[in-house]
Amino acid sequence: MIIYGKNSVFELLKERQNEVYEIILTENSNYLNNRDILRVTENGNVKLTILPREKFSNLCNNKNHQGILAKIKDFQYSDLK
């Protein structure tokens, strides 16, 4: 599952960081030196990928991505039985 947009991604990193397995930024992104992103990617648990804006936009099919997205684990549904 892909989550995009600055506020959505940063909230995810605060509250549910263990669900994030990759953060993707556009080239020349303002977020490259962000301490929250550096913290989660430096320990090796979260992959950091930098893409050209065109390839990045193709991933999320939305122009309002703000140059940042996170890939998270798919939801695990439980059987109610």
Protein backbone atom coordinates (compact mmCIF):
# COMPACT_ATOMS: atom_id res chain seq x y z
CA MET A 1 0.00 0.00 0.00
CA ILE A 2 1.25 3.50 -0.81
CA ILE A 3 0.69 6.55 1.39
CA TYR A 4 1.66 9.91 -0.06
CA GLY A 5 1.83 13.53 1.07
CA LYS A 6 3.93 15.22 3.72
CA ASN A 7 1.48 15.15 6.62
CA SER A 8 0.30 11.59 5.99
CA VAL A 9 3.83 10.19 5.77
CA PHE A 10 5.18 12.06 8.79
CA GLU A 11 2.20 11.05 10.92
CA LEU A 12 2.77 7.46 9.85
CA LEU A 13 6.42 7.70 10.88
CA LYS A 14 5.38 9.00 14.31
CA GLU A 15 2.55 6.61 15.07
CA ARG A 16 3.10 3.42 13.03
CA GLN A 17 6.74 3.41 11.96
CA ASN A 18 6.98 -0.39 12.16
CA GLU A 19 4.56 -0.69 9.21
CA VAL A 20 6.77 1.35 6.85
CA TYR A 21 9.25 -0.58 4.73
CA GLU A 22 10.24 2.07 2.16
CA ILE A 23 10.23 5.85 1.80
CA ILE A 24 10.49 7.30 -1.69
CA LEU A 25 11.41 10.92 -2.37
CA THR A 26 11.74 12.96 -5.53
CA GLU A 27 15.15 14.19 -6.64
CA ASN A 28 16.06 17.52 -5.02
CA SER A 29 13.45 16.91 -2.33
CA ASN A 30 13.32 19.22 0.68
CA TYR A 31 12.90 16.12 2.86
CA LEU A 32 16.32 14.56 2.14
CA ASN A 33 17.78 16.02 5.35
CA ASN A 34 14.68 15.66 7.49
CA ARG A 35 15.59 14.15 10.87
CA ASP A 36 12.52 11.86 11.03
CA ILE A 37 13.32 10.34 7.65
CA LEU A 38 17.03 10.03 8.43
CA ARG A 39 16.26 8.39 11.77
CA VAL A 40 14.15 5.59 10.29
CA THR A 41 16.28 4.98 7.21
CA GLU A 42 19.72 5.02 8.85
CA ASN A 43 19.01 1.98 11.02
CA GLY A 44 18.44 -0.15 7.90
CA ASN A 45 14.86 -1.18 8.63
CA VAL A 46 13.37 1.27 6.12
CA LYS A 47 14.72 1.62 2.59
CA LEU A 48 15.16 5.14 1.17
CA THR A 49 14.74 5.56 -2.60
CA ILE A 50 15.20 8.73 -4.64
CA LEU A 51 13.42 8.94 -8.01
CA PRO A 52 13.05 11.50 -10.80
CA ARG A 53 9.75 13.38 -10.46
CA GLU A 54 8.19 11.69 -13.52
CA LYS A 55 8.81 8.15 -12.25
CA PHE A 56 7.72 9.19 -8.78
CA SER A 57 4.43 10.60 -10.08
CA ASN A 58 3.74 7.36 -11.94
CA LEU A 59 3.89 5.44 -8.66
CA CYS A 60 1.10 7.31 -6.94
CA ASN A 61 -1.03 8.45 -9.91
CA ASN A 62 -1.62 11.79 -8.22
CA LYS A 63 0.02 15.17 -8.71
CA ASN A 64 -0.57 16.22 -5.09
CA HIS A 65 2.04 13.87 -3.63
CA GLN A 66 4.32 16.68 -2.33
CA GLY A 67 7.40 14.69 -3.34
CA ILE A 68 7.16 12.09 -0.58
CA LEU A 69 5.54 8.70 -0.23
CA ALA A 70 5.79 5.67 2.01
CA LYS A 71 5.20 2.05 1.19
CA ILE A 72 3.62 0.17 4.06
CA LYS A 73 2.68 -3.42 4.73
CA ASP A 74 -0.76 -4.43 3.49
CA PHE A 75 -3.49 -4.71 6.08
CA GLN A 76 -3.99 -8.13 7.60
CA TYR A 77 -7.66 -8.95 7.87
CA SER A 78 -8.95 -11.23 10.61
CA ASP A 79 -11.70 -13.76 10.34
CA LEU A 80 -14.53 -12.91 12.72
CA LYS A 81 -15.46 -16.55 13.28
